[in-house]
Protein backbone atom coordinates (compact mmCIF):
# COMPACT_ATOMS: atom_id res chain seq x y z
CA MET A 1 -42.56 -47.20 22.89
CA TRP A 2 -45.30 -46.32 20.14
CA GLY A 3 -46.16 -42.98 19.93
CA MET A 4 -42.41 -41.48 20.18
CA THR A 5 -41.14 -39.37 17.23
CA ALA A 6 -37.18 -39.41 16.80
CA PRO A 7 -35.57 -35.80 17.94
CA ARG A 8 -35.12 -33.67 15.09
CA ILE A 9 -31.92 -32.57 13.39
CA ARG A 10 -29.90 -29.72 14.67
CA CYS A 11 -28.35 -27.87 11.84
CA VAL A 12 -26.38 -24.60 11.03
CA ILE A 13 -25.78 -23.49 7.74
CA TYR A 14 -23.26 -22.20 6.44
CA VAL A 15 -23.46 -19.59 3.01
CA ARG A 16 -20.00 -17.88 1.19
CA ILE A 17 -19.75 -15.49 -2.23
CA SER A 18 -16.00 -14.92 -2.86
CA ASP A 19 -17.32 -11.52 -4.85
CA ASP A 20 -20.47 -9.51 -3.61
CA ARG A 21 -19.76 -6.59 -6.36
CA ALA A 22 -23.22 -5.28 -5.96
CA GLY A 23 -22.35 -4.94 -1.93
CA ALA A 24 -26.02 -6.31 -0.79
CA GLY A 25 -25.42 -9.26 -0.23
CA LEU A 26 -27.84 -10.95 -2.28
CA GLY A 27 -25.88 -13.75 -3.44
CA VAL A 28 -25.36 -14.90 0.41
CA LYS A 29 -29.43 -14.24 0.64
CA ARG A 30 -30.29 -16.66 -2.01
CA GLN A 31 -27.93 -19.76 -0.93
CA GLU A 32 -29.52 -19.21 2.49
CA ALA A 33 -33.00 -19.30 1.00
CA ASP A 34 -32.24 -22.34 -0.16
CA CYS A 35 -30.70 -23.99 2.80
CA ARG A 36 -33.67 -22.83 4.66
CA GLU A 37 -35.97 -24.52 2.08
CA LEU A 38 -33.80 -27.71 2.05
CA ALA A 39 -34.24 -27.63 5.98
CA THR A 40 -37.63 -27.75 5.66
CA ARG A 41 -37.75 -30.70 3.09
CA LEU A 42 -35.19 -33.06 5.26
CA ASN A 43 -37.64 -32.12 9.15
CA TRP A 44 -34.28 -30.53 10.08
CA ASP A 45 -34.20 -27.51 12.65
CA VAL A 46 -32.02 -24.75 11.81
CA VAL A 47 -30.37 -23.41 14.82
CA ASP A 48 -28.37 -20.72 13.24
CA VAL A 49 -26.52 -19.03 10.00
CA TYR A 50 -22.96 -18.61 9.52
CA ILE A 51 -22.17 -16.01 6.35
CA ASP A 52 -18.91 -15.54 5.15
CA ASN A 53 -19.88 -12.36 2.60
CA ASP A 54 -17.21 -10.85 -0.49
CA LEU A 55 -15.16 -13.61 1.15
CA SER A 56 -12.83 -16.45 -1.06
CA ALA A 57 -12.06 -19.82 -0.03
CA TYR A 58 -9.39 -19.87 -2.36
CA SER A 59 -6.89 -16.85 -1.13
CA GLY A 60 -6.10 -17.97 2.14
CA LYS A 61 -7.54 -15.42 3.88
CA PRO A 62 -9.36 -15.82 7.38
CA ARG A 63 -13.24 -16.93 7.06
CA PRO A 64 -14.66 -15.70 10.32
CA GLY A 65 -17.78 -17.12 9.82
CA TYR A 66 -16.29 -20.80 8.71
CA ARG A 67 -14.47 -20.42 11.78
CA LYS A 68 -17.49 -19.90 13.67
CA LEU A 69 -19.02 -22.95 12.21
CA LEU A 70 -15.78 -25.21 13.04
CA GLU A 71 -16.34 -23.80 17.02
CA ALA A 72 -20.03 -24.55 16.87
CA LEU A 73 -19.45 -28.05 15.63
CA GLN A 74 -16.94 -28.88 18.30
CA ALA A 75 -19.35 -27.72 20.53
CA GLY A 76 -21.84 -29.78 19.92
CA ARG A 77 -24.36 -26.89 19.25
CA ALA A 78 -25.46 -28.96 15.80
CA THR A 79 -25.12 -31.97 14.59
CA ALA A 80 -25.73 -31.12 11.03
CA VAL A 81 -24.69 -28.82 8.07
CA LEU A 82 -26.18 -27.48 5.16
CA ALA A 83 -24.13 -25.56 2.53
CA TRP A 84 -25.38 -24.76 -0.74
CA HIS A 85 -22.70 -26.55 -2.32
CA THR A 86 -19.55 -28.18 -1.18
CA ASP A 87 -17.47 -25.74 -2.89
CA ARG A 88 -19.06 -23.06 -0.72
CA LEU A 89 -17.43 -24.89 2.02
CA HIS A 90 -13.73 -25.62 0.64
CA ARG A 91 -11.77 -24.84 -2.01
CA SER A 92 -8.22 -26.17 0.27
CA PRO A 93 -7.49 -29.97 0.74
CA THR A 94 -6.50 -28.61 3.67
CA GLU A 95 -9.28 -26.88 5.13
CA LEU A 96 -11.56 -29.76 3.77
CA GLU A 97 -9.18 -32.56 6.02
CA GLU A 98 -9.53 -30.47 8.84
CA TYR A 99 -13.26 -30.19 8.22
CA ILE A 100 -13.23 -33.65 8.25
CA SER A 101 -11.49 -34.50 11.58
CA VAL A 102 -13.90 -32.10 13.37
CA CYS A 103 -17.26 -34.18 11.77
CA ASP A 104 -16.31 -37.79 11.20
CA PRO A 105 -15.82 -38.71 15.10
CA ARG A 106 -18.91 -36.92 15.94
CA GLY A 107 -21.19 -38.46 13.32
CA ILE A 108 -21.94 -34.56 11.67
CA VAL A 109 -24.36 -34.69 8.48
CA THR A 110 -23.24 -32.54 5.77
CA GLN A 111 -26.14 -31.73 2.73
CA THR A 112 -25.84 -29.64 0.02
CA VAL A 113 -28.70 -28.23 -2.05
CA LYS A 114 -26.74 -28.74 -5.47
CA ALA A 115 -24.40 -31.85 -4.94
CA GLY A 116 -26.79 -33.91 -2.50
CA PRO A 117 -25.22 -35.17 0.76
CA LEU A 118 -21.58 -35.61 1.84
CA ASP A 119 -20.69 -38.70 3.75
CA LEU A 120 -17.91 -38.13 5.82
CA SER A 121 -18.25 -41.37 8.07
CA THR A 122 -17.04 -44.07 5.24
CA PRO A 123 -13.65 -44.59 3.23
CA SER A 124 -15.93 -44.08 0.12
CA GLY A 125 -17.56 -41.11 1.08
CA ARG A 126 -14.11 -39.05 2.42
CA MET A 127 -13.25 -40.22 -1.04
CA VAL A 128 -15.74 -38.42 -2.98
CA ALA A 129 -15.05 -35.22 -0.45
CA ARG A 130 -11.63 -34.90 -1.70
CA GLN A 131 -12.36 -35.76 -5.40
CA LEU A 132 -14.73 -32.85 -5.27
CA GLY A 133 -12.23 -30.46 -2.87
CA ALA A 134 -9.39 -31.01 -5.83
CA VAL A 135 -12.24 -30.30 -8.77
CA ALA A 136 -13.06 -26.85 -6.62
CA ARG A 137 -9.52 -26.09 -6.34
CA PHE A 138 -8.26 -27.04 -10.06
CA GLU A 139 -11.66 -24.79 -10.66
CA SER A 140 -9.90 -21.85 -8.60
CA GLU A 141 -6.61 -21.85 -9.80
CA HIS A 142 -7.63 -22.29 -13.44
CA LYS A 143 -10.04 -18.95 -12.75
CA ALA A 144 -6.92 -17.20 -11.44
CA GLU A 145 -4.69 -17.81 -14.35
CA ARG A 146 -7.37 -16.71 -16.50
CA ILE A 147 -7.75 -13.49 -15.08
CA LYS A 148 -3.54 -13.34 -14.95
CA ALA A 149 -3.73 -13.60 -18.19
CA LYS A 150 -6.75 -10.94 -19.06
CA HIS A 151 -4.60 -8.63 -16.35
CA LEU A 152 -1.75 -9.59 -18.43
CA GLU A 153 -3.43 -8.91 -22.05
CA LEU A 154 -5.09 -5.18 -20.70
CA ALA A 155 -2.01 -4.12 -19.81
CA LYS A 156 0.40 -5.35 -22.95
CA ASP A 157 -2.47 -3.18 -24.98
CA GLY A 158 -2.44 -0.38 -22.86
CA LYS A 159 -5.83 -0.54 -21.25
CA SER A 160 -7.74 -0.36 -17.76
CA THR A 161 -8.63 -3.24 -15.98
CA GLY A 162 -11.44 -0.59 -14.65
CA GLY A 163 -11.48 -2.23 -11.09
CA GLY A 164 -11.09 0.02 -7.64
CA PHE A 165 -11.51 3.17 -6.69
CA ARG A 166 -11.15 6.03 -9.47
CA PRO A 167 -7.36 6.84 -10.09
CA TYR A 168 -6.69 10.26 -8.69
CA GLY A 169 -6.81 12.93 -11.71
CA TYR A 170 -9.07 10.92 -14.29
CA ARG A 171 -12.90 10.65 -14.67
CA ARG A 172 -13.58 7.52 -15.97
CA ILE A 173 -16.68 7.06 -18.79
CA TYR A 174 -18.64 4.66 -18.86
CA ASP A 175 -21.26 3.21 -22.02
CA HIS A 176 -24.03 3.27 -19.24
CA PRO A 177 -23.94 4.68 -15.79
CA ASP A 178 -24.88 1.53 -13.34
CA PRO A 179 -22.69 -1.76 -13.01
CA PRO A 180 -22.04 -4.12 -14.73
CA HIS A 181 -20.71 -1.53 -17.63
CA ARG A 182 -18.19 -1.26 -19.65
CA LEU A 183 -15.44 1.50 -19.13
CA LEU A 184 -15.44 3.56 -22.52
CA ARG A 185 -12.16 6.10 -21.58
CA GLU A 186 -10.34 7.91 -19.08
CA GLU A 187 -10.37 11.67 -19.39
CA LEU A 188 -8.35 14.65 -17.27
CA ILE A 189 -10.02 16.14 -14.31
CA PRO A 190 -7.97 19.68 -14.68
CA GLU A 191 -8.18 20.19 -10.92
CA GLU A 192 -6.80 17.15 -9.61
CA ALA A 193 -4.23 16.98 -12.72
CA ALA A 194 -2.54 19.96 -11.34
CA ILE A 195 -2.54 18.68 -8.01
CA ILE A 196 -0.48 15.98 -9.17
CA ARG A 197 1.84 18.13 -10.70
CA GLU A 198 2.56 19.95 -7.72
CA CYS A 199 3.11 16.91 -5.29
CA ALA A 200 5.36 15.62 -8.58
CA ARG A 201 7.38 19.23 -8.17
CA ARG A 202 7.86 19.74 -4.60
CA VAL A 203 8.58 16.31 -4.15
CA LEU A 204 11.13 16.13 -6.54
CA ALA A 205 12.49 19.39 -5.16
CA GLY A 206 13.34 17.63 -1.96
CA GLU A 207 9.99 18.43 0.27
CA GLY A 208 9.06 15.15 2.25
CA LEU A 209 5.47 13.49 1.60
CA LEU A 210 4.53 13.92 5.20
CA SER A 211 4.70 17.76 4.65
CA VAL A 212 3.16 17.81 1.24
CA CYS A 213 0.12 15.90 2.87
CA LYS A 214 -0.10 18.06 5.79
CA ASP A 215 -0.62 21.06 3.32
CA LEU A 216 -3.35 19.59 1.27
CA ASN A 217 -5.18 18.44 4.26
CA ARG A 218 -4.81 21.93 5.44
CA ARG A 219 -6.33 23.37 2.48
CA GLY A 220 -9.19 21.12 2.30
CA VAL A 221 -8.14 19.01 -1.13
CA PRO A 222 -10.30 16.15 -1.43
CA THR A 223 -8.82 12.73 -2.39
CA SER A 224 -10.62 10.32 -4.97
CA SER A 225 -11.69 7.94 -2.29
CA MET A 226 -12.44 11.07 0.64
CA GLY A 227 -15.76 11.16 2.02
CA ILE A 228 -16.28 7.58 0.48
CA TRP A 229 -16.62 4.14 2.85
CA THR A 230 -13.69 1.99 2.02
CA ALA A 231 -12.60 -1.66 3.96
CA ARG A 232 -9.75 1.21 6.20
CA GLN A 233 -12.59 3.28 7.05
CA VAL A 234 -14.21 0.62 8.32
CA ALA A 235 -12.20 -1.49 10.39
CA SER A 236 -11.09 2.75 11.86
CA ALA A 237 -14.59 3.56 12.85
CA ALA A 238 -14.83 -0.19 15.02
CA GLU A 239 -11.63 1.36 16.32
CA VAL A 240 -12.35 4.15 17.78
CA GLY A 241 -16.09 4.85 16.66
CA ALA A 242 -18.65 5.59 19.50
CA GLY A 243 -22.46 5.62 19.45
CA ASP A 244 -24.99 3.31 17.58
CA LEU A 245 -23.01 3.35 14.46
CA GLY A 246 -19.83 2.27 16.47
CA GLU A 247 -21.53 -0.63 17.89
CA GLU A 248 -23.60 -1.47 14.66
CA ILE A 249 -20.10 -1.94 12.88
CA ARG A 250 -18.27 -3.34 15.47
CA ALA A 251 -21.13 -6.09 15.82
CA ARG A 252 -21.34 -6.99 12.09
CA LEU A 253 -17.44 -7.09 12.01
CA ALA A 254 -18.03 -9.79 14.78
CA ALA A 255 -20.94 -11.92 13.27
CA GLY A 256 -18.05 -12.27 9.99
CA GLU A 257 -19.26 -9.94 8.21
CA PRO A 258 -16.00 -8.30 5.77
CA ALA A 259 -15.06 -5.11 5.92
CA SER A 260 -15.66 -4.23 2.20
CA ALA A 261 -19.19 -5.55 2.52
CA ILE A 262 -19.95 -2.90 5.27
CA ALA A 263 -18.02 -0.03 3.56
CA ARG A 264 -20.54 -0.85 0.31
CA ASP A 265 -23.75 -0.88 2.82
CA LEU A 266 -22.62 1.96 4.41
CA LYS A 267 -22.13 3.74 1.12
CA ASP A 268 -25.50 3.18 -0.46
CA ARG A 269 -27.01 4.16 3.14
CA GLY A 270 -25.44 7.40 2.53
CA VAL A 271 -24.54 7.43 6.03
CA PRO A 272 -21.42 9.93 6.25
CA LEU A 273 -17.88 9.10 7.53
CA PRO A 274 -17.40 9.56 11.16
CA VAL A 275 -14.05 11.41 10.10
CA PRO A 276 -13.95 12.19 6.63
CA GLY A 277 -10.24 10.31 5.07
CA GLY A 278 -7.62 12.95 3.84
CA TRP A 279 -4.14 12.70 2.91
CA SER A 280 -1.50 10.21 4.32
CA THR A 281 2.39 9.49 2.98
CA PRO A 282 0.99 5.86 1.77
CA THR A 283 -2.06 6.98 -0.43
CA LEU A 284 0.97 10.00 -2.18
CA ALA A 285 3.44 7.88 -2.68
CA ARG A 286 1.23 5.47 -4.73
CA MET A 287 0.23 8.06 -6.63
CA LEU A 288 3.58 9.32 -7.79
CA THR A 289 5.33 6.23 -7.90
CA SER A 290 2.27 5.26 -10.19
CA ALA A 291 3.14 5.21 -13.95
CA ARG A 292 -0.20 5.86 -15.03
CA ILE A 293 0.76 9.75 -14.17
CA ALA A 294 2.88 9.86 -17.09
CA GLY A 295 0.48 7.92 -19.51
CA LEU A 296 1.95 4.71 -19.26
CA ARG A 297 0.63 1.16 -18.34
CA GLU A 298 2.03 -0.49 -15.73
CA HIS A 299 1.46 -4.64 -15.00
CA ARG A 300 2.22 -5.74 -10.82
CA PRO A 301 1.93 -9.44 -11.08
CA ARG A 302 1.15 -10.74 -7.64
CA SER A 303 1.74 -14.74 -6.70
CA ARG A 304 -0.58 -16.48 -4.83
CA HIS A 305 1.73 -16.49 -1.44
CA GLN A 306 2.27 -12.31 -2.28
CA THR A 307 -0.21 -10.72 0.70
CA THR A 308 0.54 -7.32 -0.37
CA ARG A 309 1.01 -5.16 -4.13
CA VAL A 310 4.25 -3.98 -4.88
CA ARG A 311 4.83 -0.17 -5.61
CA THR A 312 6.22 0.07 -8.98
CA GLY A 313 5.35 -2.69 -11.71
CA GLU A 314 7.21 -3.26 -15.22
CA ILE A 315 6.27 -0.72 -17.71
CA MET A 316 4.31 -2.41 -20.36
CA GLY A 317 3.62 0.59 -22.69
CA VAL A 318 1.92 3.55 -23.38
CA GLY A 319 -1.54 3.66 -21.82
CA GLU A 320 -5.03 4.68 -23.41
CA TRP A 321 -5.18 7.83 -21.16
CA PRO A 322 -3.60 11.32 -21.19
CA ALA A 323 -0.27 11.72 -19.48
CA ILE A 324 -0.30 14.46 -16.32
CA ILE A 325 3.51 14.45 -15.65
CA THR A 326 6.66 13.76 -18.16
CA PRO A 327 8.12 9.53 -18.14
CA ALA A 328 11.48 11.55 -16.74
CA GLU A 329 9.54 13.17 -13.86
CA SER A 330 7.91 9.94 -13.05
CA ALA A 331 10.94 7.58 -13.28
CA ARG A 332 12.65 10.18 -11.20
CA LEU A 333 9.88 10.29 -8.41
CA ARG A 334 9.94 5.85 -8.46
CA VAL A 335 13.18 5.57 -8.14
CA MET A 336 13.17 8.26 -4.97
CA LEU A 337 10.19 7.08 -3.36
CA SER A 338 11.31 2.73 -4.00
CA ASP A 339 14.00 3.21 -2.39
CA PRO A 340 15.09 1.37 0.57
CA GLY A 341 16.73 3.57 2.27
CA ARG A 342 13.97 6.37 2.87
CA ARG A 343 12.79 6.82 6.39
CA THR A 344 8.94 5.34 6.64
CA SER A 345 8.95 5.03 10.50
CA PRO A 346 7.26 7.95 12.20
CA GLY A 347 9.53 10.38 14.19
CA PRO A 348 10.25 14.10 14.44
CA THR A 349 12.03 14.23 10.97
CA GLY A 350 9.52 17.44 9.97
CA LYS A 351 10.71 19.32 13.35
CA TYR A 352 14.54 20.01 12.97
CA LEU A 353 16.44 21.18 9.98
CA LEU A 354 19.66 18.93 10.02
CA THR A 355 17.86 15.51 11.07
CA GLY A 356 19.24 13.10 9.06
CA LEU A 357 22.36 15.07 8.52
CA ILE A 358 23.88 15.65 11.95
CA TYR A 359 25.93 12.93 13.59
CA CYS A 360 28.18 12.34 17.44
CA ASP A 361 31.74 12.62 16.38
CA LEU A 362 32.55 10.43 19.59
CA CYS A 363 30.21 7.29 18.44
CA LYS A 364 29.90 8.63 14.89
CA HIS A 365 25.83 7.57 15.30
CA ARG A 366 23.30 9.71 13.93
CA MET A 367 22.09 12.58 16.43
CA ALA A 368 18.24 13.77 16.85
CA GLY A 369 16.39 16.62 17.65
CA ARG A 370 14.64 16.51 21.14
CA ALA A 371 13.24 19.26 23.06
CA LYS A 372 14.15 19.24 26.63
CA SER A 373 12.36 20.81 29.89
CA GLY A 374 11.82 24.13 29.08
CA GLY A 375 11.54 24.23 25.60
CA LEU A 376 14.93 24.25 25.14
CA ARG A 377 15.85 22.19 21.80
CA HIS A 378 18.79 20.17 21.09
CA TYR A 379 20.60 17.77 18.69
CA MET A 380 21.59 15.02 20.85
CA CYS A 381 23.14 11.79 21.01
CA ASP A 382 20.78 9.41 21.76
CA GLY A 383 22.39 6.90 24.57
CA GLN A 384 19.26 5.83 25.90
CA PRO A 385 19.40 1.65 26.70
CA GLY A 386 18.82 0.18 23.34
CA ARG A 387 19.88 2.86 21.08
CA PRO A 388 23.00 3.31 19.53
CA GLY A 389 24.17 6.01 20.56
CA CYS A 390 26.77 7.14 23.09
CA GLY A 391 24.72 10.00 25.08
CA ARG A 392 27.47 11.64 25.60
CA VAL A 393 27.51 15.13 22.94
CA SER A 394 24.37 17.41 22.53
CA ALA A 395 24.17 20.71 21.11
CA ARG A 396 21.51 23.14 21.05
CA VAL A 397 19.53 23.28 17.69
CA GLU A 398 19.69 27.09 17.29
CA TYR A 399 23.17 27.30 17.67
CA VAL A 400 24.17 24.70 15.49
CA ASP A 401 21.63 25.53 12.48
CA GLU A 402 22.77 29.21 12.14
CA VAL A 403 26.11 27.90 12.02
CA ILE A 404 25.77 25.67 8.77
CA VAL A 405 22.98 27.91 7.12
CA VAL A 406 25.39 30.60 7.08
CA ALA A 407 28.02 28.27 5.90
CA ALA A 408 25.52 26.62 3.65
CA ALA A 409 24.23 30.16 2.41
CA GLY A 410 27.83 31.44 1.50
CA ILE A 411 28.45 28.52 -0.70
CA LEU A 412 25.08 28.24 -2.57
CA THR A 413 25.49 32.06 -3.50
CA THR A 414 28.74 31.72 -4.83
CA PRO A 415 29.85 31.89 -8.71
CA ALA A 416 31.75 28.95 -7.93
CA PHE A 417 29.22 26.53 -6.91
CA ALA A 418 26.93 28.11 -10.10
CA ALA A 419 29.62 27.24 -12.40
CA ALA A 420 29.92 23.39 -11.05
CA LEU A 421 25.96 23.11 -10.57
CA ALA A 422 26.16 24.34 -14.52
CA GLU A 423 28.54 21.79 -14.95
CA VAL A 424 26.58 19.24 -13.00
CA ASP A 425 23.42 19.73 -15.53
CA ALA A 426 25.45 19.55 -18.62
CA GLY A 427 26.19 16.05 -17.78
CA ALA A 428 22.93 14.84 -17.23
CA ASP A 429 20.91 13.62 -19.84
CA GLU A 430 17.60 12.52 -18.19
CA GLY A 431 16.37 11.34 -22.02
CA GLU A 432 19.04 8.74 -22.59
CA ALA A 433 18.48 7.02 -18.94
CA VAL A 434 14.98 6.83 -19.96
CA ALA A 435 15.29 5.44 -22.81
CA GLU A 436 18.07 3.10 -21.58
CA ILE A 437 15.14 2.11 -19.03
CA THR A 438 12.61 1.75 -21.66
CA ALA A 439 14.58 -0.25 -24.04
CA CYS A 440 15.95 -2.39 -21.26
CA GLU A 441 12.05 -3.23 -19.89
CA GLN A 442 11.11 -4.20 -23.68
CA ASP A 443 13.89 -6.60 -23.79
CA LEU A 444 13.08 -7.78 -20.49
CA ALA A 445 9.57 -8.51 -21.80
CA ASP A 446 10.49 -10.04 -25.45
CA LEU A 447 12.39 -12.08 -23.18
CA ALA A 448 9.52 -13.23 -20.61
CA ALA A 449 7.58 -14.20 -24.58
CA ASP A 450 10.61 -16.45 -25.78
CA HIS A 451 10.71 -18.30 -22.46
CA GLY A 452 6.98 -18.83 -22.54
CA ALA A 453 7.39 -19.68 -25.97
CA GLY A 454 9.46 -22.09 -25.60
CA VAL A 455 12.22 -20.61 -27.71
CA ILE A 456 14.82 -20.53 -24.54
CA SER A 457 15.11 -22.18 -21.79
CA ARG A 458 14.77 -20.78 -17.99
CA ALA A 459 18.43 -21.10 -17.58
CA GLU A 460 19.02 -18.91 -20.53
CA TRP A 461 15.87 -16.34 -19.70
CA MET A 462 18.22 -16.25 -16.41
CA ALA A 463 21.34 -15.14 -17.64
CA ALA A 464 20.10 -12.82 -20.46
CA ARG A 465 18.03 -10.84 -17.61
CA LYS A 466 20.84 -10.39 -15.06
CA PRO A 467 22.63 -8.09 -17.45
CA LEU A 468 19.43 -5.89 -18.25
CA GLN A 469 18.60 -5.25 -14.60
CA ALA A 470 22.12 -3.89 -14.24
CA ARG A 471 21.68 -1.61 -17.11
CA ILE A 472 18.22 -0.39 -15.52
CA GLU A 473 19.10 0.09 -12.25
CA ALA A 474 22.14 2.00 -13.21
CA ALA A 475 20.02 4.14 -15.24
CA ARG A 476 17.62 5.13 -12.04
CA SER A 477 20.34 5.30 -10.10
CA SER A 478 21.22 8.58 -12.44
CA LEU A 479 17.34 9.36 -12.34
CA GLY A 480 17.10 9.20 -8.49
CA ARG A 481 19.62 11.34 -7.82
CA VAL A 482 17.63 14.42 -6.94
CA ASP A 483 17.25 17.33 -9.34
CA VAL A 484 19.52 20.24 -7.64
CA GLY A 485 18.17 22.77 -10.65
CA ARG A 486 14.15 22.00 -8.97
CA VAL A 487 15.60 22.30 -5.45
CA LEU A 488 16.74 25.38 -6.00
CA GLU A 489 13.93 26.92 -8.40
CA GLY A 490 12.74 30.62 -7.22
CA LEU A 491 15.30 31.03 -4.11
CA PRO A 492 16.91 33.80 -3.39
CA THR A 493 20.35 34.51 -5.35
CA ASP A 494 22.05 36.66 -2.14
CA SER A 495 23.56 35.40 0.69
CA ALA A 496 21.39 37.04 2.97
CA GLY A 497 17.95 36.12 1.19
CA MET A 498 19.23 32.72 1.28
CA GLU A 499 20.25 32.59 5.24
CA ALA A 500 16.48 34.47 5.89
CA PHE A 501 14.99 31.60 4.18
CA LEU A 502 16.83 28.61 5.19
CA LEU A 503 16.47 29.78 8.59
CA ASP A 504 12.66 30.93 7.87
CA GLY A 505 10.51 28.39 10.22
CA GLU A 506 7.25 29.14 8.41
CA VAL A 507 8.71 26.91 5.92
CA GLU A 508 8.34 23.20 6.40
CA ALA A 509 11.71 22.09 7.58
CA SER A 510 12.07 19.34 4.91
CA ARG A 511 11.76 21.68 1.88
CA ARG A 512 14.79 23.38 3.97
CA ARG A 513 16.56 20.60 4.30
CA ALA A 514 16.57 19.53 0.70
CA VAL A 515 18.51 22.67 0.19
CA VAL A 516 21.19 22.60 2.97
CA ALA A 517 21.57 18.92 1.46
CA VAL A 518 22.84 20.25 -1.75
CA VAL A 519 25.86 21.38 -0.56
CA LEU A 520 26.31 19.77 3.16
CA GLU A 521 26.80 15.63 2.72
CA ARG A 522 26.92 15.49 6.78
CA VAL A 523 27.77 17.64 9.91
CA TRP A 524 30.01 15.82 13.04
CA VAL A 525 29.44 17.22 16.29
CA ARG A 526 32.14 16.91 18.78
CA PRO A 527 31.48 17.37 22.70
CA VAL A 528 32.12 20.38 24.57
CA ILE A 529 35.68 21.29 24.89
CA VAL A 530 35.89 24.07 27.70
CA ARG A 531 33.37 23.03 30.62
CA GLY A 532 31.46 25.71 32.12
CA SER A 533 31.39 28.15 29.42
CA LYS A 534 27.89 29.99 28.48
CA ARG A 535 28.79 30.48 24.57
CA PHE A 536 28.61 28.27 21.71
CA ASP A 537 31.57 27.29 19.79
CA PRO A 538 31.28 26.46 16.37
CA ALA A 539 34.73 24.78 16.33
CA ARG A 540 32.33 21.60 17.74
CA LEU A 541 30.84 21.42 14.44
CA VAL A 542 33.11 19.48 11.46
CA PRO A 543 30.81 19.59 8.51
CA ALA A 544 31.49 17.53 5.22
CA TRP A 545 30.48 19.75 2.54
CA ARG A 546 29.94 18.02 -1.17
CA PHE A 547 31.04 21.68 -3.18
């Protein structure tokens, strides 16, 4: 009829930026402003805006804003989409096909500021969309390859990438304070370097990571990121945070804003952490296994399909920063802390002296320390459903510990043990093992370069790698053995003094356990021989001594 006007198109805006280095969200704000200007020119009504800030469409990580966009289109809340460019929507052919399956049957129009309209209602329009998607995918993959090549080049030259948090123990010196800036050099922070040396010494002496972390936190030793908002801190605050700050963080995460962008904003606003972060076992393990603290440059390449970084990488050479510990110490730490046999699951490992060393003589499974009613502590064979033990053997902790400690102290302070230890130390050559590892790693790097240059085939490369890797593993194994000299350094040399140390509850159990493990491989516990007896029979213990 005359005088009637067509209904205005209801549209939604989608904006995304892969890397918001400033953390202010300026990139997505500029995109939104341009899209709103286009909506005004087209006489469209904007009903909602979906944002993915600091999130890549190429990485494959979930994009909350994009998922909400598809949900809105499927629910019929809009009949058009505005984006700054087609590559803001998709860099994956799989995602593009899903988008087409949502838009095509509903007649949804797609308009972009820089690339014009995207007609998904016709075969030719869908072909153009797929071609644009393929180009965007190529650009992302090509950029990723350039970045990988640049990181490898920096690694070969012994240079730092300069990204991420400041590495503990080092101060970064830039050409000027505000980003973007260029890293000039890295200098030691003496106080933090001393903490690294202390931690390395304690872990090499057999003390557990958890024990060291607890001590550092008790002393108030800060980490390099303590008091600084991170994505992990944001997630923690969203889970347990109360008050206005917790509500703000939860609302922003629910709206699709990345935790990293929220962390940058909170940091820029000077919002204090509800609970300042401290030392954790993963943090300490990453620091001690990093080759950088030995003044070495390490390269940890990661494929597109890997979701986590490996803990240790390939040593490329000497770095452009000063060392804090020796290469031999670093090699030992890397082997010890990368051992897949190390216990990483939570458990009462810090409470009992013989945890990991005590076994049931009936079922041959490891026993665990438990506190029974009344506060009495027992080593018990766990026979609960789903556990491998038989549940038929237990013994009081203090009785077992005393018997083993007296025997261990006697062995540790004998002249025969001292002579055997001297013989072991004389046969150990750290420098030779480190030199072997360094030489083999250099040969591996040369092989990779030859393969890349086409000098050798992949089959030749793989065949040459195997013996080199076997030699590296053998050398690392020799370095990974506990340094007995470090474990016993500074301890009493008389039997009574050693007994007092091993039974001292003020000393962390992991530290005392390392000393006992020098001479004790394991101890088997037999069941009670005489029922009803209140005396502990030492004959129930069958220790397997190393010396």
